[in-house]
């Protein structure tokens, strides 16, 4: 089991992020998360792919993209409304 600490400040968010996202109260905070060895292997595969395709390989960039994909799927399924 691995313990990772993710830190993301408003200054490091993508320029296309809305102002509301930058104002999120948790944006500058750190989150300690535990990821299984199996999940870390998946992250490693994703990082290798992203490196080959010149994309950011940080865990925070992978998590941001995964959250956006999951959000888009929920919107497309009608489970949540797009704000």
PDB file of N, CA and C in Angstrom:
ATOM      1  N   UNK A   1       0.853  -1.164   0.000  1.00  0.00           N
ATOM      2  CA  UNK A   1       0.000   0.000   0.000  1.00  0.00           C
ATOM      3  C   UNK A   1       0.901   1.231   0.000  1.00  0.00           C
ATOM      4  N   UNK A   2       0.532   2.238  -0.773  1.00  0.00           N
ATOM      5  CA  UNK A   2       1.295   3.470  -0.872  1.00  0.00           C
ATOM      6  C   UNK A   2       0.474   4.609  -0.301  1.00  0.00           C
ATOM      7  N   UNK A   3       1.123   5.580   0.299  1.00  0.00           N
ATOM      8  CA  UNK A   3       0.458   6.794   0.748  1.00  0.00           C
ATOM      9  C   UNK A   3       1.011   7.928  -0.082  1.00  0.00           C
ATOM     10  N   UNK A   4       0.138   8.594  -0.799  1.00  0.00           N
ATOM     11  CA  UNK A   4       0.549   9.706  -1.635  1.00  0.00           C
ATOM     12  C   UNK A   4      -0.112  10.967  -1.134  1.00  0.00           C
ATOM     13  N   UNK A   5       0.598  12.062  -1.218  1.00  0.00           N
ATOM     14  CA  UNK A   5       0.033  13.352  -0.847  1.00  0.00           C
ATOM     15  C   UNK A   5      -0.006  14.193  -2.107  1.00  0.00           C
ATOM     16  N   UNK A   6      -1.205  14.619  -2.463  1.00  0.00           N
ATOM     17  CA  UNK A   6      -1.384  15.439  -3.650  1.00  0.00           C
ATOM     18  C   UNK A   6      -1.528  16.887  -3.223  1.00  0.00           C
ATOM     19  N   UNK A   7      -0.818  17.755  -3.866  1.00  0.00           N
ATOM     20  CA  UNK A   7      -0.955  19.179  -3.579  1.00  0.00           C
ATOM     21  C   UNK A   7      -1.247  19.890  -4.888  1.00  0.00           C
ATOM     22  N   UNK A   8      -2.237  20.711  -4.863  1.00  0.00           N
ATOM     23  CA  UNK A   8      -2.596  21.466  -6.059  1.00  0.00           C
ATOM     24  C   UNK A   8      -3.012  22.846  -5.593  1.00  0.00           C
ATOM     25  N   UNK A   9      -2.362  23.847  -6.093  1.00  0.00           N
ATOM     26  CA  UNK A   9      -2.739  25.206  -5.726  1.00  0.00           C
ATOM     27  C   UNK A   9      -3.443  25.848  -6.906  1.00  0.00           C
ATOM     28  N   UNK A  10      -4.228  26.882  -6.665  1.00  0.00           N
ATOM     29  CA  UNK A  10      -4.920  27.546  -7.770  1.00  0.00           C
ATOM     30  C   UNK A  10      -3.967  28.019  -8.859  1.00  0.00           C
ATOM     31  N   UNK A  11      -2.754  28.368  -8.506  1.00  0.00           N
ATOM     32  CA  UNK A  11      -1.799  28.869  -9.493  1.00  0.00           C
ATOM     33  C   UNK A  11      -1.359  27.796 -10.475  1.00  0.00           C
ATOM     34  N   UNK A  12      -1.476  26.521 -10.111  1.00  0.00           N
ATOM     35  CA  UNK A  12      -1.008  25.459 -10.994  1.00  0.00           C
ATOM     36  C   UNK A  12      -2.126  24.809 -11.792  1.00  0.00           C
ATOM     37  N   UNK A  13      -3.350  25.283 -11.637  1.00  0.00           N
ATOM     38  CA  UNK A  13      -4.452  24.715 -12.405  1.00  0.00           C
ATOM     39  C   UNK A  13      -4.324  25.115 -13.864  1.00  0.00           C
ATOM     40  N   UNK A  14      -4.898  24.329 -14.733  1.00  0.00           N
ATOM     41  CA  UNK A  14      -4.839  24.611 -16.157  1.00  0.00           C
ATOM     42  C   UNK A  14      -5.458  25.979 -16.438  1.00  0.00           C
ATOM     43  N   UNK A  15      -4.924  26.734 -17.392  1.00  0.00           N
ATOM     44  CA  UNK A  15      -5.439  28.065 -17.674  1.00  0.00           C
ATOM     45  C   UNK A  15      -6.905  28.074 -18.096  1.00  0.00           C
ATOM     46  N   UNK A  16      -7.411  26.985 -18.655  1.00  0.00           N
ATOM     47  CA  UNK A  16      -8.794  26.955 -19.109  1.00  0.00           C
ATOM     48  C   UNK A  16      -9.775  26.665 -17.983  1.00  0.00           C
ATOM     49  N   UNK A  17      -9.281  26.436 -16.778  1.00  0.00           N
ATOM     50  CA  UNK A  17     -10.167  26.160 -15.648  1.00  0.00           C
ATOM     51  C   UNK A  17     -10.963  27.407 -15.317  1.00  0.00           C
ATOM     52  N   UNK A  18     -12.212  27.201 -14.940  1.00  0.00           N
ATOM     53  CA  UNK A  18     -13.066  28.336 -14.612  1.00  0.00           C
ATOM     54  C   UNK A  18     -12.632  28.956 -13.297  1.00  0.00           C
ATOM     55  N   UNK A  19     -13.026  30.207 -13.083  1.00  0.00           N
ATOM     56  CA  UNK A  19     -12.692  30.899 -11.840  1.00  0.00           C
ATOM     57  C   UNK A  19     -13.289  30.177 -10.646  1.00  0.00           C
ATOM     58  N   UNK A  20     -14.469  29.597 -10.822  1.00  0.00           N
ATOM     59  CA  UNK A  20     -15.115  28.889  -9.713  1.00  0.00           C
ATOM     60  C   UNK A  20     -14.251  27.729  -9.239  1.00  0.00           C
ATOM     61  N   UNK A  21     -13.581  27.055 -10.164  1.00  0.00           N
ATOM     62  CA  UNK A  21     -12.721  25.943  -9.785  1.00  0.00           C
ATOM     63  C   UNK A  21     -11.528  26.452  -8.981  1.00  0.00           C
ATOM     64  N   UNK A  22     -10.962  27.585  -9.392  1.00  0.00           N
ATOM     65  CA  UNK A  22      -9.831  28.155  -8.676  1.00  0.00           C
ATOM     66  C   UNK A  22     -10.212  28.608  -7.274  1.00  0.00           C
ATOM     67  N   UNK A  23     -11.463  28.951  -7.070  1.00  0.00           N
ATOM     68  CA  UNK A  23     -11.919  29.427  -5.774  1.00  0.00           C
ATOM     69  C   UNK A  23     -12.370  28.304  -4.861  1.00  0.00           C
ATOM     70  N   UNK A  24     -12.268  27.081  -5.307  1.00  0.00           N
ATOM     71  CA  UNK A  24     -12.710  25.953  -4.485  1.00  0.00           C
ATOM     72  C   UNK A  24     -11.910  25.944  -3.188  1.00  0.00           C
ATOM     73  N   UNK A  25     -12.589  25.802  -2.043  1.00  0.00           N
ATOM     74  CA  UNK A  25     -11.884  25.896  -0.759  1.00  0.00           C
ATOM     75  C   UNK A  25     -10.811  24.835  -0.545  1.00  0.00           C
ATOM     76  N   UNK A  26     -10.881  23.717  -1.232  1.00  0.00           N
ATOM     77  CA  UNK A  26      -9.893  22.661  -1.060  1.00  0.00           C
ATOM     78  C   UNK A  26      -8.718  22.784  -2.022  1.00  0.00           C
ATOM     79  N   UNK A  27      -8.771  23.727  -2.958  1.00  0.00           N
ATOM     80  CA  UNK A  27      -7.749  23.808  -3.998  1.00  0.00           C
ATOM     81  C   UNK A  27      -6.324  23.897  -3.455  1.00  0.00           C
ATOM     82  N   UNK A  28      -6.023  24.738  -2.477  1.00  0.00           N
ATOM     83  CA  UNK A  28      -4.635  24.823  -2.034  1.00  0.00           C
ATOM     84  C   UNK A  28      -4.241  23.785  -0.990  1.00  0.00           C
ATOM     85  N   UNK A  29      -5.156  22.939  -0.587  1.00  0.00           N
ATOM     86  CA  UNK A  29      -4.881  21.976   0.476  1.00  0.00           C
ATOM     87  C   UNK A  29      -4.242  20.712  -0.084  1.00  0.00           C
ATOM     88  N   UNK A  30      -3.702  19.907   0.807  1.00  0.00           N
ATOM     89  CA  UNK A  30      -3.137  18.621   0.431  1.00  0.00           C
ATOM     90  C   UNK A  30      -4.107  17.520   0.826  1.00  0.00           C
ATOM     91  N   UNK A  31      -4.128  16.465   0.026  1.00  0.00           N
ATOM     92  CA  UNK A  31      -4.979  15.319   0.299  1.00  0.00           C
ATOM     93  C   UNK A  31      -4.095  14.089   0.408  1.00  0.00           C
ATOM     94  N   UNK A  32      -4.162  13.406   1.524  1.00  0.00           N
ATOM     95  CA  UNK A  32      -3.437  12.148   1.673  1.00  0.00           C
ATOM     96  C   UNK A  32      -4.354  11.029   1.217  1.00  0.00           C
ATOM     97  N   UNK A  33      -3.906  10.236   0.259  1.00  0.00           N
ATOM     98  CA  UNK A  33      -4.725   9.126  -0.224  1.00  0.00           C
ATOM     99  C   UNK A  33      -3.887   7.858  -0.214  1.00  0.00           C
ATOM    100  N   UNK A  34      -4.570   6.759  -0.032  1.00  0.00           N
ATOM    101  CA  UNK A  34      -3.894   5.460  -0.066  1.00  0.00           C
ATOM    102  C   UNK A  34      -4.297   4.750  -1.356  1.00  0.00           C
ATOM    103  N   UNK A  35      -3.295   4.315  -2.094  1.00  0.00           N
ATOM    104  CA  UNK A  35      -3.538   3.586  -3.330  1.00  0.00           C
ATOM    105  C   UNK A  35      -2.910   2.206  -3.210  1.00  0.00           C
ATOM    106  N   UNK A  36      -3.651   1.213  -3.652  1.00  0.00           N
ATOM    107  CA  UNK A  36      -3.140  -0.156  -3.598  1.00  0.00           C
ATOM    108  C   UNK A  36      -2.001  -0.330  -4.596  1.00  0.00           C
ATOM    109  N   UNK A  37      -1.261  -1.394  -4.410  1.00  0.00           N
ATOM    110  CA  UNK A  37      -0.171  -1.704  -5.334  1.00  0.00           C
ATOM    111  C   UNK A  37      -0.714  -1.926  -6.749  1.00  0.00           C
ATOM    112  N   UNK A  38      -1.878  -2.554  -6.846  1.00  0.00           N
ATOM    113  CA  UNK A  38      -2.515  -2.789  -8.146  1.00  0.00           C
ATOM    114  C   UNK A  38      -2.833  -1.465  -8.843  1.00  0.00           C
ATOM    115  N   UNK A  39      -3.367  -0.511  -8.089  1.00  0.00           N
ATOM    116  CA  UNK A  39      -3.684   0.796  -8.662  1.00  0.00           C
ATOM    117  C   UNK A  39      -2.417   1.517  -9.087  1.00  0.00           C
ATOM    118  N   UNK A  40      -1.358   1.407  -8.298  1.00  0.00           N
ATOM    119  CA  UNK A  40      -0.099   2.052  -8.657  1.00  0.00           C
ATOM    120  C   UNK A  40       0.487   1.455  -9.937  1.00  0.00           C
ATOM    121  N   UNK A  41       0.262   0.171 -10.174  1.00  0.00           N
ATOM    122  CA  UNK A  41       0.698  -0.436 -11.437  1.00  0.00           C
ATOM    123  C   UNK A  41      -0.064   0.181 -12.607  1.00  0.00           C
ATOM    124  N   UNK A  42      -1.368   0.415 -12.412  1.00  0.00           N
ATOM    125  CA  UNK A  42      -2.164   1.070 -13.454  1.00  0.00           C
ATOM    126  C   UNK A  42      -1.643   2.479 -13.710  1.00  0.00           C
ATOM    127  N   UNK A  43      -1.343   3.196 -12.640  1.00  0.00           N
ATOM    128  CA  UNK A  43      -0.796   4.549 -12.769  1.00  0.00           C
ATOM    129  C   UNK A  43       0.510   4.508 -13.552  1.00  0.00           C
ATOM    130  N   UNK A  44       1.341   3.533 -13.279  1.00  0.00           N
ATOM    131  CA  UNK A  44       2.612   3.402 -13.984  1.00  0.00           C
ATOM    132  C   UNK A  44       2.400   3.205 -15.485  1.00  0.00           C
ATOM    133  N   UNK A  45       1.447   2.364 -15.849  1.00  0.00           N
ATOM    134  CA  UNK A  45       1.137   2.158 -17.276  1.00  0.00           C
ATOM    135  C   UNK A  45       0.644   3.458 -17.914  1.00  0.00           C
ATOM    136  N   UNK A  46      -0.208   4.171 -17.203  1.00  0.00           N
ATOM    137  CA  UNK A  46      -0.725   5.447 -17.714  1.00  0.00           C
ATOM    138  C   UNK A  46       0.417   6.446 -17.872  1.00  0.00           C
ATOM    139  N   UNK A  47       1.319   6.499 -16.893  1.00  0.00           N
ATOM    140  CA  UNK A  47       2.448   7.419 -16.973  1.00  0.00           C
ATOM    141  C   UNK A  47       3.343   7.100 -18.167  1.00  0.00           C
ATOM    142  N   UNK A  48       3.596   5.824 -18.428  1.00  0.00           N
ATOM    143  CA  UNK A  48       4.415   5.458 -19.585  1.00  0.00           C
ATOM    144  C   UNK A  48       3.750   5.905 -20.882  1.00  0.00           C
ATOM    145  N   UNK A  49       2.438   5.696 -21.000  1.00  0.00           N
ATOM    146  CA  UNK A  49       1.724   6.143 -22.191  1.00  0.00           C
ATOM    147  C   UNK A  49       1.798   7.658 -22.325  1.00  0.00           C
ATOM    148  N   UNK A  50       1.535   8.361 -21.231  1.00  0.00           N
ATOM    149  CA  UNK A  50       1.527   9.822 -21.274  1.00  0.00           C
ATOM    150  C   UNK A  50       2.914  10.367 -21.605  1.00  0.00           C
ATOM    151  N   UNK A  51       3.952   9.702 -21.130  1.00  0.00           N
ATOM    152  CA  UNK A  51       5.310  10.135 -21.449  1.00  0.00           C
ATOM    153  C   UNK A  51       5.579   9.986 -22.945  1.00  0.00           C
ATOM    154  N   UNK A  52       5.139   8.861 -23.528  1.00  0.00           N
ATOM    155  CA  UNK A  52       5.330   8.635 -24.971  1.00  0.00           C
ATOM    156  C   UNK A  52       4.562   9.645 -25.808  1.00  0.00           C
ATOM    157  N   UNK A  53       3.451  10.160 -25.278  1.00  0.00           N
ATOM    158  CA  UNK A  53       2.613  11.087 -26.039  1.00  0.00           C
ATOM    159  C   UNK A  53       2.779  12.531 -25.567  1.00  0.00           C
ATOM    160  N   UNK A  54       3.870  12.796 -24.857  1.00  0.00           N
ATOM    161  CA  UNK A  54       4.216  14.150 -24.400  1.00  0.00           C
ATOM    162  C   UNK A  54       3.118  14.824 -23.587  1.00  0.00           C
ATOM    163  N   UNK A  55       2.527  14.079 -22.666  1.00  0.00           N
ATOM    164  CA  UNK A  55       1.532  14.621 -21.749  1.00  0.00           C
ATOM    165  C   UNK A  55       2.127  14.642 -20.347  1.00  0.00           C
ATOM    166  N   UNK A  56       1.587  15.476 -19.466  1.00  0.00           N
ATOM    167  CA  UNK A  56       2.088  15.494 -18.087  1.00  0.00           C
ATOM    168  C   UNK A  56       1.936  14.116 -17.440  1.00  0.00           C
ATOM    169  N   UNK A  57       2.944  13.706 -16.671  1.00  0.00           N
ATOM    170  CA  UNK A  57       2.916  12.371 -16.073  1.00  0.00           C
ATOM    171  C   UNK A  57       2.722  12.402 -14.558  1.00  0.00           C
ATOM    172  N   UNK A  58       2.492  13.579 -13.986  1.00  0.00           N
ATOM    173  CA  UNK A  58       2.309  13.651 -12.537  1.00  0.00           C
ATOM    174  C   UNK A  58       1.009  12.972 -12.136  1.00  0.00           C
ATOM    175  N   UNK A  59       0.991  12.469 -10.923  1.00  0.00           N
ATOM    176  CA  UNK A  59      -0.219  11.832 -10.421  1.00  0.00           C
ATOM    177  C   UNK A  59      -1.374  12.823 -10.394  1.00  0.00           C
ATOM    178  N   UNK A  60      -1.088  14.070 -10.040  1.00  0.00           N
ATOM    179  CA  UNK A  60      -2.172  15.053  -9.990  1.00  0.00           C
ATOM    180  C   UNK A  60      -2.780  15.282 -11.371  1.00  0.00           C
ATOM    181  N   UNK A  61      -1.968  15.286 -12.432  1.00  0.00           N
ATOM    182  CA  UNK A  61      -2.521  15.478 -13.777  1.00  0.00           C
ATOM    183  C   UNK A  61      -3.360  14.277 -14.197  1.00  0.00           C
ATOM    184  N   UNK A  62      -2.936  13.079 -13.806  1.00  0.00           N
ATOM    185  CA  UNK A  62      -3.703  11.870 -14.119  1.00  0.00           C
ATOM    186  C   UNK A  62      -5.022  11.880 -13.362  1.00  0.00           C
ATOM    187  N   UNK A  63      -4.982  12.258 -12.087  1.00  0.00           N
ATOM    188  CA  UNK A  63      -6.206  12.316 -11.278  1.00  0.00           C
ATOM    189  C   UNK A  63      -7.163  13.365 -11.837  1.00  0.00           C
ATOM    190  N   UNK A  64      -6.653  14.546 -12.202  1.00  0.00           N
ATOM    191  CA  UNK A  64      -7.508  15.589 -12.774  1.00  0.00           C
ATOM    192  C   UNK A  64      -8.206  15.089 -14.037  1.00  0.00           C
ATOM    193  N   UNK A  65      -7.454  14.441 -14.925  1.00  0.00           N
ATOM    194  CA  UNK A  65      -8.045  13.927 -16.162  1.00  0.00           C
ATOM    195  C   UNK A  65      -9.066  12.830 -15.876  1.00  0.00           C
ATOM    196  N   UNK A  66      -8.771  11.963 -14.918  1.00  0.00           N
ATOM    197  CA  UNK A  66      -9.700  10.884 -14.566  1.00  0.00           C
ATOM    198  C   UNK A  66     -10.998  11.448 -13.996  1.00  0.00           C
ATOM    199  N   UNK A  67     -10.887  12.468 -13.151  1.00  0.00           N
ATOM    200  CA  UNK A  67     -12.084  13.096 -12.588  1.00  0.00           C
ATOM    201  C   UNK A  67     -12.896  13.753 -13.692  1.00  0.00           C
ATOM    202  N   UNK A  68     -12.232  14.440 -14.625  1.00  0.00           N
ATOM    203  CA  UNK A  68     -12.949  15.083 -15.731  1.00  0.00           C
ATOM    204  C   UNK A  68     -13.653  14.042 -16.598  1.00  0.00           C
ATOM    205  N   UNK A  69     -12.993  12.926 -16.884  1.00  0.00           N
ATOM    206  CA  UNK A  69     -13.614  11.854 -17.676  1.00  0.00           C
ATOM    207  C   UNK A  69     -14.831  11.277 -16.960  1.00  0.00           C
ATOM    208  N   UNK A  70     -14.699  11.043 -15.669  1.00  0.00           N
ATOM    209  CA  UNK A  70     -15.814  10.489 -14.888  1.00  0.00           C
ATOM    210  C   UNK A  70     -16.972  11.483 -14.841  1.00  0.00           C
ATOM    211  N   UNK A  71     -16.657  12.749 -14.643  1.00  0.00           N
ATOM    212  CA  UNK A  71     -17.682  13.798 -14.628  1.00  0.00           C
ATOM    213  C   UNK A  71     -18.414  13.843 -15.969  1.00  0.00           C
ATOM    214  N   UNK A  72     -17.659  13.844 -17.064  1.00  0.00           N
ATOM    215  CA  UNK A  72     -18.269  13.884 -18.399  1.00  0.00           C
ATOM    216  C   UNK A  72     -19.181  12.685 -18.623  1.00  0.00           C
ATOM    217  N   UNK A  73     -18.752  11.510 -18.163  1.00  0.00           N
ATOM    218  CA  UNK A  73     -19.577  10.313 -18.314  1.00  0.00           C
ATOM    219  C   UNK A  73     -20.884  10.457 -17.545  1.00  0.00           C
ATOM    220  N   UNK A  74     -20.815  10.959 -16.324  1.00  0.00           N
ATOM    221  CA  UNK A  74     -22.028  11.149 -15.522  1.00  0.00           C
ATOM    222  C   UNK A  74     -22.970  12.165 -16.163  1.00  0.00           C
ATOM    223  N   UNK A  75     -22.415  13.218 -16.745  1.00  0.00           N
ATOM    224  CA  UNK A  75     -23.238  14.207 -17.451  1.00  0.00           C
ATOM    225  C   UNK A  75     -23.887  13.561 -18.666  1.00  0.00           C
ATOM    226  N   UNK A  76     -23.109  12.820 -19.453  1.00  0.00           N
ATOM    227  CA  UNK A  76     -23.639  12.170 -20.654  1.00  0.00           C
ATOM    228  C   UNK A  76     -24.731  11.159 -20.335  1.00  0.00           C
ATOM    229  N   UNK A  77     -24.617  10.500 -19.183  1.00  0.00           N
ATOM    230  CA  UNK A  77     -25.629   9.525 -18.765  1.00  0.00           C
ATOM    231  C   UNK A  77     -26.846  10.186 -18.129  1.00  0.00           C
ATOM    232  N   UNK A  78     -26.764  11.493 -17.901  1.00  0.00           N
ATOM    233  CA  UNK A  78     -27.871  12.199 -17.272  1.00  0.00           C
ATOM    234  C   UNK A  78     -27.917  12.035 -15.763  1.00  0.00           C
ATOM    235  N   UNK A  79     -26.862  11.493 -15.179  1.00  0.00           N
ATOM    236  CA  UNK A  79     -26.830  11.279 -13.730  1.00  0.00           C
ATOM    237  C   UNK A  79     -26.661  12.589 -12.968  1.00  0.00           C
ATOM    238  N   UNK A  80     -25.941  13.542 -13.570  1.00  0.00           N
ATOM    239  CA  UNK A  80     -25.774  14.865 -12.978  1.00  0.00           C
ATOM    240  C   UNK A  80     -25.919  15.903 -14.075  1.00  0.00           C
ATOM    241  N   UNK A  81     -26.191  17.140 -13.662  1.00  0.00           N
ATOM    242  CA  UNK A  81     -26.303  18.239 -14.622  1.00  0.00           C
ATOM    243  C   UNK A  81     -24.957  18.924 -14.755  1.00  0.00           C
ATOM    244  N   UNK A  82     -24.654  19.358 -15.959  1.00  0.00           N
ATOM    245  CA  UNK A  82     -23.427  20.094 -16.216  1.00  0.00           C
ATOM    246  C   UNK A  82     -23.640  21.539 -15.786  1.00  0.00           C
ATOM    247  N   UNK A  83     -22.835  21.989 -14.833  1.00  0.00           N
ATOM    248  CA  UNK A  83     -22.971  23.375 -14.349  1.00  0.00           C
ATOM    249  C   UNK A  83     -22.117  24.322 -15.129  1.00  0.00           C
TER     250      UNK A  83
END
